[in-house]
Amino acid sequence: MTQSLEDYLEMVSFLADEGEVRVTDIAARLDVSKPSVLTALKILEDQSLIKHEHYGLVTLTKTGVARAAEIRERHSLLTNFLHNIVGVSGETAEKDACKMEHLLSDETLKKIKALVKNASVEKSA
């Protein structure tokens, strides 16, 4: 899946947490055009990650929920790592995590996860 499609799926997940998801909401949050959203949603629907009613709501499928959760977990892990361990500002951590989450290997993410876990244990001790 491309970085762009991951961003769309992640946004659908965030918006679903807040309530109903519409094309206009996705476009506004990602600062893209409605036709761009529709193109991405069609691909995500073809991959059985979402359902989109024509001129209606967007919902995640069971597979889409799982995939979005993976993406969000990576994002959260990297934001936490950058902010709490590396020490960059929250805003910078958020922006950089968004870029990094699509590029890092599973091996690197596992190592970062271990570092974050170890740092959390040390802080609580």
PDB file of N, CA and C in Angstrom:
ATOM      1  N   MET A   1       0.847  -1.176   0.000  1.00  0.00           N
ATOM      2  CA  MET A   1       0.000   0.000   0.000  1.00  0.00           C
ATOM      3  C   MET A   1       0.891   1.236   0.000  1.00  0.00           C
ATOM      4  N   THR A   2       0.500   2.222  -0.762  1.00  0.00           N
ATOM      5  CA  THR A   2       1.297   3.442  -0.856  1.00  0.00           C
ATOM      6  C   THR A   2       1.139   4.291   0.409  1.00  0.00           C
ATOM      7  N   GLN A   3       2.065   5.201   0.592  1.00  0.00           N
ATOM      8  CA  GLN A   3       2.022   6.131   1.720  1.00  0.00           C
ATOM      9  C   GLN A   3       0.718   6.917   1.698  1.00  0.00           C
ATOM     10  N   SER A   4       0.337   7.374   0.544  1.00  0.00           N
ATOM     11  CA  SER A   4      -0.878   8.166   0.399  1.00  0.00           C
ATOM     12  C   SER A   4      -2.108   7.365   0.820  1.00  0.00           C
ATOM     13  N   LEU A   5      -2.211   6.121   0.375  1.00  0.00           N
ATOM     14  CA  LEU A   5      -3.364   5.295   0.736  1.00  0.00           C
ATOM     15  C   LEU A   5      -3.373   5.001   2.232  1.00  0.00           C
ATOM     16  N   GLU A   6      -2.195   4.806   2.819  1.00  0.00           N
ATOM     17  CA  GLU A   6      -2.128   4.618   4.264  1.00  0.00           C
ATOM     18  C   GLU A   6      -2.635   5.857   4.993  1.00  0.00           C
ATOM     19  N   ASP A   7      -2.287   7.026   4.492  1.00  0.00           N
ATOM     20  CA  ASP A   7      -2.753   8.271   5.098  1.00  0.00           C
ATOM     21  C   ASP A   7      -4.281   8.391   5.023  1.00  0.00           C
ATOM     22  N   TYR A   8      -4.849   8.006   3.894  1.00  0.00           N
ATOM     23  CA  TYR A   8      -6.307   8.040   3.757  1.00  0.00           C
ATOM     24  C   TYR A   8      -6.957   7.047   4.722  1.00  0.00           C
ATOM     25  N   LEU A   9      -6.432   5.848   4.787  1.00  0.00           N
ATOM     26  CA  LEU A   9      -7.004   4.832   5.666  1.00  0.00           C
ATOM     27  C   LEU A   9      -6.887   5.257   7.131  1.00  0.00           C
ATOM     28  N   GLU A  10      -5.753   5.812   7.492  1.00  0.00           N
ATOM     29  CA  GLU A  10      -5.552   6.307   8.852  1.00  0.00           C
ATOM     30  C   GLU A  10      -6.553   7.422   9.173  1.00  0.00           C
ATOM     31  N   MET A  11      -6.780   8.313   8.227  1.00  0.00           N
ATOM     32  CA  MET A  11      -7.721   9.408   8.454  1.00  0.00           C
ATOM     33  C   MET A  11      -9.142   8.891   8.586  1.00  0.00           C
ATOM     34  N   VAL A  12      -9.517   7.921   7.783  1.00  0.00           N
ATOM     35  CA  VAL A  12     -10.855   7.332   7.922  1.00  0.00           C
ATOM     36  C   VAL A  12     -11.007   6.760   9.330  1.00  0.00           C
ATOM     37  N   SER A  13      -9.968   6.114   9.823  1.00  0.00           N
ATOM     38  CA  SER A  13     -10.001   5.540  11.166  1.00  0.00           C
ATOM     39  C   SER A  13     -10.149   6.623  12.230  1.00  0.00           C
ATOM     40  N   PHE A  14      -9.371   7.693  12.126  1.00  0.00           N
ATOM     41  CA  PHE A  14      -9.472   8.803  13.080  1.00  0.00           C
ATOM     42  C   PHE A  14     -10.875   9.409  13.068  1.00  0.00           C
ATOM     43  N   LEU A  15     -11.386   9.661  11.879  1.00  0.00           N
ATOM     44  CA  LEU A  15     -12.708  10.265  11.761  1.00  0.00           C
ATOM     45  C   LEU A  15     -13.802   9.323  12.258  1.00  0.00           C
ATOM     46  N   ALA A  16     -13.630   8.028  12.039  1.00  0.00           N
ATOM     47  CA  ALA A  16     -14.609   7.051  12.519  1.00  0.00           C
ATOM     48  C   ALA A  16     -14.682   7.070  14.047  1.00  0.00           C
ATOM     49  N   ASP A  17     -13.550   7.334  14.686  1.00  0.00           N
ATOM     50  CA  ASP A  17     -13.540   7.450  16.151  1.00  0.00           C
ATOM     51  C   ASP A  17     -14.397   8.624  16.621  1.00  0.00           C
ATOM     52  N   GLU A  18     -14.507   9.637  15.779  1.00  0.00           N
ATOM     53  CA  GLU A  18     -15.252  10.848  16.123  1.00  0.00           C
ATOM     54  C   GLU A  18     -16.721  10.766  15.717  1.00  0.00           C
ATOM     55  N   GLY A  19     -17.061   9.826  14.844  1.00  0.00           N
ATOM     56  CA  GLY A  19     -18.445   9.694  14.376  1.00  0.00           C
ATOM     57  C   GLY A  19     -18.496   9.241  12.932  1.00  0.00           C
ATOM     58  N   GLU A  20     -19.440   9.789  12.184  1.00  0.00           N
ATOM     59  CA  GLU A  20     -19.615   9.414  10.785  1.00  0.00           C
ATOM     60  C   GLU A  20     -18.496   9.997   9.920  1.00  0.00           C
ATOM     61  N   VAL A  21     -18.147   9.276   8.872  1.00  0.00           N
ATOM     62  CA  VAL A  21     -17.065   9.699   7.983  1.00  0.00           C
ATOM     63  C   VAL A  21     -17.644  10.002   6.602  1.00  0.00           C
ATOM     64  N   ARG A  22     -17.380  11.219   6.142  1.00  0.00           N
ATOM     65  CA  ARG A  22     -17.830  11.653   4.819  1.00  0.00           C
ATOM     66  C   ARG A  22     -16.628  12.114   3.999  1.00  0.00           C
ATOM     67  N   VAL A  23     -16.795  12.079   2.700  1.00  0.00           N
ATOM     68  CA  VAL A  23     -15.732  12.497   1.779  1.00  0.00           C
ATOM     69  C   VAL A  23     -15.276  13.909   2.096  1.00  0.00           C
ATOM     70  N   THR A  24     -16.211  14.796   2.362  1.00  0.00           N
ATOM     71  CA  THR A  24     -15.846  16.191   2.636  1.00  0.00           C
ATOM     72  C   THR A  24     -14.977  16.307   3.892  1.00  0.00           C
ATOM     73  N   ASP A  25     -15.246  15.459   4.896  1.00  0.00           N
ATOM     74  CA  ASP A  25     -14.440  15.481   6.124  1.00  0.00           C
ATOM     75  C   ASP A  25     -13.010  15.046   5.848  1.00  0.00           C
ATOM     76  N   ILE A  26     -12.867  14.000   5.061  1.00  0.00           N
ATOM     77  CA  ILE A  26     -11.532  13.491   4.711  1.00  0.00           C
ATOM     78  C   ILE A  26     -10.772  14.553   3.926  1.00  0.00           C
ATOM     79  N   ALA A  27     -11.441  15.140   2.932  1.00  0.00           N
ATOM     80  CA  ALA A  27     -10.800  16.174   2.105  1.00  0.00           C
ATOM     81  C   ALA A  27     -10.347  17.346   2.961  1.00  0.00           C
ATOM     82  N   ALA A  28     -11.184  17.777   3.887  1.00  0.00           N
ATOM     83  CA  ALA A  28     -10.840  18.926   4.730  1.00  0.00           C
ATOM     84  C   ALA A  28      -9.660  18.607   5.643  1.00  0.00           C
ATOM     85  N   ARG A  29      -9.671  17.450   6.254  1.00  0.00           N
ATOM     86  CA  ARG A  29      -8.606  17.101   7.199  1.00  0.00           C
ATOM     87  C   ARG A  29      -7.265  16.877   6.509  1.00  0.00           C
ATOM     88  N   LEU A  30      -7.299  16.304   5.312  1.00  0.00           N
ATOM     89  CA  LEU A  30      -6.049  16.039   4.594  1.00  0.00           C
ATOM     90  C   LEU A  30      -5.669  17.177   3.655  1.00  0.00           C
ATOM     91  N   ASP A  31      -6.547  18.176   3.560  1.00  0.00           N
ATOM     92  CA  ASP A  31      -6.325  19.331   2.692  1.00  0.00           C
ATOM     93  C   ASP A  31      -6.096  18.902   1.247  1.00  0.00           C
ATOM     94  N   VAL A  32      -7.016  18.070   0.753  1.00  0.00           N
ATOM     95  CA  VAL A  32      -6.974  17.597  -0.630  1.00  0.00           C
ATOM     96  C   VAL A  32      -8.364  17.800  -1.242  1.00  0.00           C
ATOM     97  N   SER A  33      -8.452  17.602  -2.542  1.00  0.00           N
ATOM     98  CA  SER A  33      -9.728  17.788  -3.231  1.00  0.00           C
ATOM     99  C   SER A  33     -10.626  16.564  -3.040  1.00  0.00           C
ATOM    100  N   LYS A  34     -11.920  16.785  -3.204  1.00  0.00           N
ATOM    101  CA  LYS A  34     -12.878  15.673  -3.118  1.00  0.00           C
ATOM    102  C   LYS A  34     -12.602  14.610  -4.189  1.00  0.00           C
ATOM    103  N   PRO A  35     -12.286  15.006  -5.436  1.00  0.00           N
ATOM    104  CA  PRO A  35     -11.967  13.980  -6.431  1.00  0.00           C
ATOM    105  C   PRO A  35     -10.757  13.117  -6.031  1.00  0.00           C
ATOM    106  N   SER A  36      -9.772  13.719  -5.365  1.00  0.00           N
ATOM    107  CA  SER A  36      -8.621  12.936  -4.887  1.00  0.00           C
ATOM    108  C   SER A  36      -9.064  11.930  -3.842  1.00  0.00           C
ATOM    109  N   VAL A  37      -9.937  12.353  -2.949  1.00  0.00           N
ATOM    110  CA  VAL A  37     -10.450  11.445  -1.920  1.00  0.00           C
ATOM    111  C   VAL A  37     -11.222  10.306  -2.573  1.00  0.00           C
ATOM    112  N   LEU A  38     -12.068  10.619  -3.529  1.00  0.00           N
ATOM    113  CA  LEU A  38     -12.871   9.592  -4.194  1.00  0.00           C
ATOM    114  C   LEU A  38     -12.000   8.566  -4.909  1.00  0.00           C
ATOM    115  N   THR A  39     -10.930   9.030  -5.528  1.00  0.00           N
ATOM    116  CA  THR A  39     -10.003   8.117  -6.198  1.00  0.00           C
ATOM    117  C   THR A  39      -9.367   7.172  -5.188  1.00  0.00           C
ATOM    118  N   ALA A  40      -8.901   7.723  -4.073  1.00  0.00           N
ATOM    119  CA  ALA A  40      -8.269   6.894  -3.044  1.00  0.00           C
ATOM    120  C   ALA A  40      -9.270   5.916  -2.429  1.00  0.00           C
ATOM    121  N   LEU A  41     -10.474   6.399  -2.172  1.00  0.00           N
ATOM    122  CA  LEU A  41     -11.489   5.535  -1.569  1.00  0.00           C
ATOM    123  C   LEU A  41     -11.854   4.380  -2.481  1.00  0.00           C
ATOM    124  N   LYS A  42     -11.878   4.630  -3.765  1.00  0.00           N
ATOM    125  CA  LYS A  42     -12.174   3.558  -4.728  1.00  0.00           C
ATOM    126  C   LYS A  42     -11.119   2.461  -4.632  1.00  0.00           C
ATOM    127  N   ILE A  43      -9.860   2.853  -4.524  1.00  0.00           N
ATOM    128  CA  ILE A  43      -8.774   1.873  -4.409  1.00  0.00           C
ATOM    129  C   ILE A  43      -8.890   1.116  -3.093  1.00  0.00           C
ATOM    130  N   LEU A  44      -9.143   1.844  -2.001  1.00  0.00           N
ATOM    131  CA  LEU A  44      -9.285   1.193  -0.691  1.00  0.00           C
ATOM    132  C   LEU A  44     -10.490   0.249  -0.679  1.00  0.00           C
ATOM    133  N   GLU A  45     -11.537   0.634  -1.381  1.00  0.00           N
ATOM    134  CA  GLU A  45     -12.721  -0.234  -1.479  1.00  0.00           C
ATOM    135  C   GLU A  45     -12.397  -1.483  -2.301  1.00  0.00           C
ATOM    136  N   ASP A  46     -11.657  -1.319  -3.388  1.00  0.00           N
ATOM    137  CA  ASP A  46     -11.246  -2.454  -4.212  1.00  0.00           C
ATOM    138  C   ASP A  46     -10.361  -3.425  -3.430  1.00  0.00           C
ATOM    139  N   GLN A  47      -9.649  -2.894  -2.421  1.00  0.00           N
ATOM    140  CA  GLN A  47      -8.793  -3.727  -1.572  1.00  0.00           C
ATOM    141  C   GLN A  47      -9.541  -4.265  -0.347  1.00  0.00           C
ATOM    142  N   SER A  48     -10.851  -4.047  -0.329  1.00  0.00           N
ATOM    143  CA  SER A  48     -11.737  -4.520   0.754  1.00  0.00           C
ATOM    144  C   SER A  48     -11.375  -3.957   2.122  1.00  0.00           C
ATOM    145  N   LEU A  49     -10.874  -2.710   2.145  1.00  0.00           N
ATOM    146  CA  LEU A  49     -10.513  -2.067   3.403  1.00  0.00           C
ATOM    147  C   LEU A  49     -11.601  -1.118   3.899  1.00  0.00           C
ATOM    148  N   ILE A  50     -12.421  -0.632   2.979  1.00  0.00           N
ATOM    149  CA  ILE A  50     -13.519   0.272   3.340  1.00  0.00           C
ATOM    150  C   ILE A  50     -14.753  -0.077   2.519  1.00  0.00           C
ATOM    151  N   LYS A  51     -15.877   0.499   2.961  1.00  0.00           N
ATOM    152  CA  LYS A  51     -17.101   0.505   2.161  1.00  0.00           C
ATOM    153  C   LYS A  51     -17.492   1.966   2.031  1.00  0.00           C
ATOM    154  N   HIS A  52     -17.879   2.354   0.831  1.00  0.00           N
ATOM    155  CA  HIS A  52     -18.275   3.742   0.595  1.00  0.00           C
ATOM    156  C   HIS A  52     -19.567   3.758  -0.193  1.00  0.00           C
ATOM    157  N   GLU A  53     -20.603   4.259   0.461  1.00  0.00           N
ATOM    158  CA  GLU A  53     -21.877   4.426  -0.208  1.00  0.00           C
ATOM    159  C   GLU A  53     -21.770   5.628  -1.144  1.00  0.00           C
ATOM    160  N   HIS A  54     -22.318   5.516  -2.337  1.00  0.00           N
ATOM    161  CA  HIS A  54     -22.284   6.620  -3.291  1.00  0.00           C
ATOM    162  C   HIS A  54     -22.955   7.837  -2.658  1.00  0.00           C
ATOM    163  N   TYR A  55     -22.226   8.938  -2.567  1.00  0.00           N
ATOM    164  CA  TYR A  55     -22.686  10.169  -1.902  1.00  0.00           C
ATOM    165  C   TYR A  55     -23.062   9.922  -0.437  1.00  0.00           C
ATOM    166  N   GLY A  56     -22.436   8.919   0.157  1.00  0.00           N
ATOM    167  CA  GLY A  56     -22.786   8.582   1.531  1.00  0.00           C
ATOM    168  C   GLY A  56     -21.579   8.421   2.425  1.00  0.00           C
ATOM    169  N   LEU A  57     -21.769   7.621   3.437  1.00  0.00           N
ATOM    170  CA  LEU A  57     -20.757   7.438   4.469  1.00  0.00           C
ATOM    171  C   LEU A  57     -19.655   6.480   4.039  1.00  0.00           C
ATOM    172  N   VAL A  58     -18.513   6.646   4.692  1.00  0.00           N
ATOM    173  CA  VAL A  58     -17.368   5.764   4.505  1.00  0.00           C
ATOM    174  C   VAL A  58     -17.215   4.971   5.800  1.00  0.00           C
ATOM    175  N   THR A  59     -17.115   3.646   5.676  1.00  0.00           N
ATOM    176  CA  THR A  59     -16.901   2.803   6.846  1.00  0.00           C
ATOM    177  C   THR A  59     -15.750   1.851   6.590  1.00  0.00           C
ATOM    178  N   LEU A  60     -15.073   1.496   7.656  1.00  0.00           N
ATOM    179  CA  LEU A  60     -13.986   0.524   7.568  1.00  0.00           C
ATOM    180  C   LEU A  60     -14.551  -0.891   7.611  1.00  0.00           C
ATOM    181  N   THR A  61     -13.976  -1.773   6.829  1.00  0.00           N
ATOM    182  CA  THR A  61     -14.308  -3.187   6.941  1.00  0.00           C
ATOM    183  C   THR A  61     -13.512  -3.766   8.109  1.00  0.00           C
ATOM    184  N   LYS A  62     -13.761  -4.999   8.434  1.00  0.00           N
ATOM    185  CA  LYS A  62     -13.006  -5.659   9.504  1.00  0.00           C
ATOM    186  C   LYS A  62     -11.508  -5.644   9.172  1.00  0.00           C
ATOM    187  N   THR A  63     -11.183  -5.931   7.936  1.00  0.00           N
ATOM    188  CA  THR A  63      -9.784  -5.902   7.485  1.00  0.00           C
ATOM    189  C   THR A  63      -9.240  -4.482   7.545  1.00  0.00           C
ATOM    190  N   GLY A  64     -10.064  -3.515   7.172  1.00  0.00           N
ATOM    191  CA  GLY A  64      -9.663  -2.110   7.212  1.00  0.00           C
ATOM    192  C   GLY A  64      -9.392  -1.629   8.621  1.00  0.00           C
ATOM    193  N   VAL A  65     -10.215  -2.071   9.562  1.00  0.00           N
ATOM    194  CA  VAL A  65     -10.007  -1.704  10.965  1.00  0.00           C
ATOM    195  C   VAL A  65      -8.650  -2.226  11.438  1.00  0.00           C
ATOM    196  N   ALA A  66      -8.350  -3.469  11.101  1.00  0.00           N
ATOM    197  CA  ALA A  66      -7.076  -4.076  11.521  1.00  0.00           C
ATOM    198  C   ALA A  66      -5.883  -3.360  10.887  1.00  0.00           C
ATOM    199  N   ARG A  67      -5.986  -3.087   9.601  1.00  0.00           N
ATOM    200  CA  ARG A  67      -4.878  -2.408   8.900  1.00  0.00           C
ATOM    201  C   ARG A  67      -4.691  -0.990   9.421  1.00  0.00           C
ATOM    202  N   ALA A  68      -5.776  -0.274   9.652  1.00  0.00           N
ATOM    203  CA  ALA A  68      -5.696   1.091  10.184  1.00  0.00           C
ATOM    204  C   ALA A  68      -5.093   1.077  11.585  1.00  0.00           C
ATOM    205  N   ALA A  69      -5.427   0.076  12.376  1.00  0.00           N
ATOM    206  CA  ALA A  69      -4.870  -0.028  13.727  1.00  0.00           C
ATOM    207  C   ALA A  69      -3.353  -0.210  13.675  1.00  0.00           C
ATOM    208  N   GLU A  70      -2.873  -0.997  12.723  1.00  0.00           N
ATOM    209  CA  GLU A  70      -1.423  -1.179  12.552  1.00  0.00           C
ATOM    210  C   GLU A  70      -0.747   0.146  12.204  1.00  0.00           C
ATOM    211  N   ILE A  71      -1.349   0.875  11.288  1.00  0.00           N
ATOM    212  CA  ILE A  71      -0.793   2.167  10.857  1.00  0.00           C
ATOM    213  C   ILE A  71      -0.777   3.147  12.026  1.00  0.00           C
ATOM    214  N   ARG A  72      -1.882   3.206  12.761  1.00  0.00           N
ATOM    215  CA  ARG A  72      -1.971   4.117  13.903  1.00  0.00           C
ATOM    216  C   ARG A  72      -0.993   3.738  15.008  1.00  0.00           C
ATOM    217  N   GLU A  73      -0.798   2.438  15.202  1.00  0.00           N
ATOM    218  CA  GLU A  73       0.157   1.989  16.221  1.00  0.00           C
ATOM    219  C   GLU A  73       1.579   2.419  15.853  1.00  0.00           C
ATOM    220  N   ARG A  74       1.950   2.252  14.587  1.00  0.00           N
ATOM    221  CA  ARG A  74       3.272   2.702  14.129  1.00  0.00           C
ATOM    222  C   ARG A  74       3.435   4.196  14.356  1.00  0.00           C
ATOM    223  N   HIS A  75       2.407   4.947  13.992  1.00  0.00           N
ATOM    224  CA  HIS A  75       2.446   6.398  14.132  1.00  0.00           C
ATOM    225  C   HIS A  75       2.616   6.788  15.599  1.00  0.00           C
ATOM    226  N   SER A  76       1.841   6.184  16.461  1.00  0.00           N
ATOM    227  CA  SER A  76       1.902   6.477  17.892  1.00  0.00           C
ATOM    228  C   SER A  76       3.263   6.103  18.478  1.00  0.00           C
ATOM    229  N   LEU A  77       3.765   4.944  18.106  1.00  0.00           N
ATOM    230  CA  LEU A  77       5.080   4.490  18.573  1.00  0.00           C
ATOM    231  C   LEU A  77       6.167   5.486  18.185  1.00  0.00           C
ATOM    232  N   LEU A  78       6.172   5.895  16.935  1.00  0.00           N
ATOM    233  CA  LEU A  78       7.200   6.814  16.457  1.00  0.00           C
ATOM    234  C   LEU A  78       7.063   8.200  17.070  1.00  0.00           C
ATOM    235  N   THR A  79       5.832   8.665  17.246  1.00  0.00           N
ATOM    236  CA  THR A  79       5.623   9.962  17.895  1.00  0.00           C
ATOM    237  C   THR A  79       6.147   9.921  19.322  1.00  0.00           C
ATOM    238  N   ASN A  80       5.809   8.860  20.033  1.00  0.00           N
ATOM    239  CA  ASN A  80       6.275   8.679  21.409  1.00  0.00           C
ATOM    240  C   ASN A  80       7.803   8.625  21.468  1.00  0.00           C
ATOM    241  N   PHE A  81       8.396   7.851  20.589  1.00  0.00           N
ATOM    242  CA  PHE A  81       9.853   7.715  20.537  1.00  0.00           C
ATOM    243  C   PHE A  81      10.526   9.068  20.294  1.00  0.00           C
ATOM    244  N   LEU A  82      10.059   9.774  19.288  1.00  0.00           N
ATOM    245  CA  LEU A  82      10.680  11.049  18.933  1.00  0.00           C
ATOM    246  C   LEU A  82      10.497  12.106  20.023  1.00  0.00           C
ATOM    247  N   HIS A  83       9.323  12.148  20.618  1.00  0.00           N
ATOM    248  CA  HIS A  83       9.044  13.170  21.624  1.00  0.00           C
ATOM    249  C   HIS A  83       9.652  12.822  22.983  1.00  0.00           C
ATOM    250  N   ASN A  84       9.398  11.623  23.465  1.00  0.00           N
ATOM    251  CA  ASN A  84       9.783  11.267  24.828  1.00  0.00           C
ATOM    252  C   ASN A  84      11.194  10.719  24.982  1.00  0.00           C
ATOM    253  N   ILE A  85      11.751  10.166  23.924  1.00  0.00           N
ATOM    254  CA  ILE A  85      13.099   9.599  24.035  1.00  0.00           C
ATOM    255  C   ILE A  85      14.121  10.475  23.332  1.00  0.00           C
ATOM    256  N   VAL A  86      13.816  10.863  22.102  1.00  0.00           N
ATOM    257  CA  VAL A  86      14.748  11.724  21.368  1.00  0.00           C
ATOM    258  C   VAL A  86      14.679  13.155  21.894  1.00  0.00           C
ATOM    259  N   GLY A  87      13.471  13.583  22.286  1.00  0.00           N
ATOM    260  CA  GLY A  87      13.325  14.888  22.905  1.00  0.00           C
ATOM    261  C   GLY A  87      12.920  16.021  21.991  1.00  0.00           C
ATOM    262  N   VAL A  88      12.405  15.702  20.811  1.00  0.00           N
ATOM    263  CA  VAL A  88      11.934  16.767  19.933  1.00  0.00           C
ATOM    264  C   VAL A  88      10.556  17.228  20.409  1.00  0.00           C
ATOM    265  N   SER A  89      10.136  18.397  19.978  1.00  0.00           N
ATOM    266  CA  SER A  89       8.834  18.926  20.385  1.00  0.00           C
ATOM    267  C   SER A  89       7.719  17.997  19.918  1.00  0.00           C
ATOM    268  N   GLY A  90       6.586  18.100  20.577  1.00  0.00           N
ATOM    269  CA  GLY A  90       5.437  17.278  20.207  1.00  0.00           C
ATOM    270  C   GLY A  90       5.004  17.498  18.775  1.00  0.00           C
ATOM    271  N   GLU A  91       5.012  18.757  18.347  1.00  0.00           N
ATOM    272  CA  GLU A  91       4.606  19.085  16.981  1.00  0.00           C
ATOM    273  C   GLU A  91       5.567  18.475  15.955  1.00  0.00           C
ATOM    274  N   THR A  92       6.862  18.602  16.214  1.00  0.00           N
ATOM    275  CA  THR A  92       7.861  18.021  15.306  1.00  0.00           C
ATOM    276  C   THR A  92       7.772  16.500  15.315  1.00  0.00           C
ATOM    277  N   ALA A  93       7.596  15.926  16.497  1.00  0.00           N
ATOM    278  CA  ALA A  93       7.479  14.465  16.605  1.00  0.00           C
ATOM    279  C   ALA A  93       6.309  13.964  15.777  1.00  0.00           C
ATOM    280  N   GLU A  94       5.187  14.664  15.852  1.00  0.00           N
ATOM    281  CA  GLU A  94       3.988  14.280  15.104  1.00  0.00           C
ATOM    282  C   GLU A  94       4.241  14.331  13.596  1.00  0.00           C
ATOM    283  N   LYS A  95       4.825  15.424  13.122  1.00  0.00           N
ATOM    284  CA  LYS A  95       5.098  15.583  11.687  1.00  0.00           C
ATOM    285  C   LYS A  95       6.104  14.548  11.189  1.00  0.00           C
ATOM    286  N   ASP A  96       7.191  14.369  11.942  1.00  0.00           N
ATOM    287  CA  ASP A  96       8.222  13.421  11.521  1.00  0.00           C
ATOM    288  C   ASP A  96       7.724  11.981  11.570  1.00  0.00           C
ATOM    289  N   ALA A  97       6.939  11.655  12.593  1.00  0.00           N
ATOM    290  CA  ALA A  97       6.387  10.302  12.701  1.00  0.00           C
ATOM    291  C   ALA A  97       5.512   9.982  11.502  1.00  0.00           C
ATOM    292  N   CYS A  98       4.761  10.973  11.050  1.00  0.00           N
ATOM    293  CA  CYS A  98       3.884  10.778   9.893  1.00  0.00           C
ATOM    294  C   CYS A  98       4.687  10.419   8.643  1.00  0.00           C
ATOM    295  N   LYS A  99       5.855  11.004   8.516  1.00  0.00           N
ATOM    296  CA  LYS A  99       6.720  10.701   7.371  1.00  0.00           C
ATOM    297  C   LYS A  99       7.415   9.348   7.552  1.00  0.00           C
ATOM    298  N   MET A 100       7.917   9.116   8.757  1.00  0.00           N
ATOM    299  CA  MET A 100       8.707   7.918   9.025  1.00  0.00           C
ATOM    300  C   MET A 100       7.887   6.632   9.011  1.00  0.00           C
ATOM    301  N   GLU A 101       6.643   6.708   9.437  1.00  0.00           N
ATOM    302  CA  GLU A 101       5.839   5.496   9.620  1.00  0.00           C
ATOM    303  C   GLU A 101       5.702   4.679   8.345  1.00  0.00           C
ATOM    304  N   HIS A 102       5.858   5.315   7.211  1.00  0.00           N
ATOM    305  CA  HIS A 102       5.694   4.635   5.934  1.00  0.00           C
ATOM    306  C   HIS A 102       7.001   4.045   5.395  1.00  0.00           C
ATOM    307  N   LEU A 103       8.120   4.448   5.985  1.00  0.00           N
ATOM    308  CA  LEU A 103       9.411   4.110   5.399  1.00  0.00           C
ATOM    309  C   LEU A 103      10.211   3.051   6.155  1.00  0.00           C
ATOM    310  N   LEU A 104       9.990   2.954   7.455  1.00  0.00           N
ATOM    311  CA  LEU A 104      10.831   2.093   8.276  1.00  0.00           C
ATOM    312  C   LEU A 104      10.463   0.625   8.133  1.00  0.00           C
ATOM    313  N   SER A 105      11.481  -0.211   8.212  1.00  0.00           N
ATOM    314  CA  SER A 105      11.273  -1.654   8.125  1.00  0.00           C
ATOM    315  C   SER A 105      10.657  -2.174   9.417  1.00  0.00           C
ATOM    316  N   ASP A 106      10.094  -3.373   9.348  1.00  0.00           N
ATOM    317  CA  ASP A 106       9.546  -4.007  10.545  1.00  0.00           C
ATOM    318  C   ASP A 106      10.638  -4.227  11.587  1.00  0.00           C
ATOM    319  N   GLU A 107      11.826  -4.564  11.129  1.00  0.00           N
ATOM    320  CA  GLU A 107      12.947  -4.779  12.047  1.00  0.00           C
ATOM    321  C   GLU A 107      13.262  -3.500  12.833  1.00  0.00           C
ATOM    322  N   THR A 108      13.340  -2.385  12.134  1.00  0.00           N
ATOM    323  CA  THR A 108      13.631  -1.107  12.793  1.00  0.00           C
ATOM    324  C   THR A 108      12.512  -0.730  13.760  1.00  0.00           C
ATOM    325  N   LEU A 109      11.273  -0.926  13.340  1.00  0.00           N
ATOM    326  CA  LEU A 109      10.146  -0.610  14.217  1.00  0.00           C
ATOM    327  C   LEU A 109      10.155  -1.466  15.486  1.00  0.00           C
ATOM    328  N   LYS A 110      10.525  -2.740  15.349  1.00  0.00           N
ATOM    329  CA  LYS A 110      10.609  -3.614  16.524  1.00  0.00           C
ATOM    330  C   LYS A 110      11.686  -3.128  17.488  1.00  0.00           C
ATOM    331  N   LYS A 111      12.801  -2.685  16.955  1.00  0.00           N
ATOM    332  CA  LYS A 111      13.887  -2.170  17.800  1.00  0.00           C
ATOM    333  C   LYS A 111      13.461  -0.875  18.508  1.00  0.00           C
ATOM    334  N   ILE A 112      12.771  -0.006  17.786  1.00  0.00           N
ATOM    335  CA  ILE A 112      12.292   1.236  18.390  1.00  0.00           C
ATOM    336  C   ILE A 112      11.269   0.913  19.484  1.00  0.00           C
ATOM    337  N   LYS A 113      10.395  -0.045  19.212  1.00  0.00           N
ATOM    338  CA  LYS A 113       9.390  -0.448  20.196  1.00  0.00           C
ATOM    339  C   LYS A 113      10.069  -0.953  21.474  1.00  0.00           C
ATOM    340  N   ALA A 114      11.131  -1.729  21.316  1.00  0.00           N
ATOM    341  CA  ALA A 114      11.875  -2.237  22.479  1.00  0.00           C
ATOM    342  C   ALA A 114      12.522  -1.089  23.250  1.00  0.00           C
ATOM    343  N   LEU A 115      13.086  -0.129  22.539  1.00  0.00           N
ATOM    344  CA  LEU A 115      13.684   1.043  23.195  1.00  0.00           C
ATOM    345  C   LEU A 115      12.644   1.831  23.984  1.00  0.00           C
ATOM    346  N   VAL A 116      11.487   2.048  23.390  1.00  0.00           N
ATOM    347  CA  VAL A 116      10.417   2.789  24.057  1.00  0.00           C
ATOM    348  C   VAL A 116       9.956   2.033  25.302  1.00  0.00           C
ATOM    349  N   LYS A 117       9.803   0.724  25.161  1.00  0.00           N
ATOM    350  CA  LYS A 117       9.364  -0.095  26.297  1.00  0.00           C
ATOM    351  C   LYS A 117      10.383  -0.036  27.429  1.00  0.00           C
ATOM    352  N   ASN A 118      11.658  -0.178  27.085  1.00  0.00           N
ATOM    353  CA  ASN A 118      12.715  -0.134  28.098  1.00  0.00           C
ATOM    354  C   ASN A 118      12.786   1.232  28.778  1.00  0.00           C
ATOM    355  N   ALA A 119      12.625   2.284  28.007  1.00  0.00           N
ATOM    356  CA  ALA A 119      12.668   3.632  28.567  1.00  0.00           C
ATOM    357  C   ALA A 119      11.481   3.855  29.500  1.00  0.00           C
ATOM    358  N   SER A 120      10.328   3.314  29.147  1.00  0.00           N
ATOM    359  CA  SER A 120       9.130   3.446  29.992  1.00  0.00           C
ATOM    360  C   SER A 120       9.318   2.702  31.307  1.00  0.00           C
ATOM    361  N   VAL A 121       9.926   1.534  31.248  1.00  0.00           N
ATOM    362  CA  VAL A 121      10.179   0.739  32.461  1.00  0.00           C
ATOM    363  C   VAL A 121      11.163   1.463  33.359  1.00  0.00           C
ATOM    364  N   GLU A 122      12.207   2.029  32.768  1.00  0.00           N
ATOM    365  CA  GLU A 122      13.214   2.760  33.550  1.00  0.00           C
ATOM    366  C   GLU A 122      12.626   4.001  34.207  1.00  0.00           C
ATOM    367  N   LYS A 123      11.734   4.705  33.521  1.00  0.00           N
ATOM    368  CA  LYS A 123      11.117   5.910  34.091  1.00  0.00           C
ATOM    369  C   LYS A 123      10.211   5.569  35.266  1.00  0.00           C
ATOM    370  N   SER A 124       9.535   4.424  35.182  1.00  0.00           N
ATOM    371  CA  SER A 124       8.606   4.056  36.243  1.00  0.00           C
ATOM    372  C   SER A 124       9.323   3.423  37.437  1.00  0.00           C
ATOM    373  N   ALA A 125      10.579   3.034  37.267  1.00  0.00           N
ATOM    374  CA  ALA A 125      11.319   2.388  38.372  1.00  0.00           C
ATOM    375  C   ALA A 125      11.931   3.384  39.326  1.00  0.00           C
TER     376      ALA A 125
END
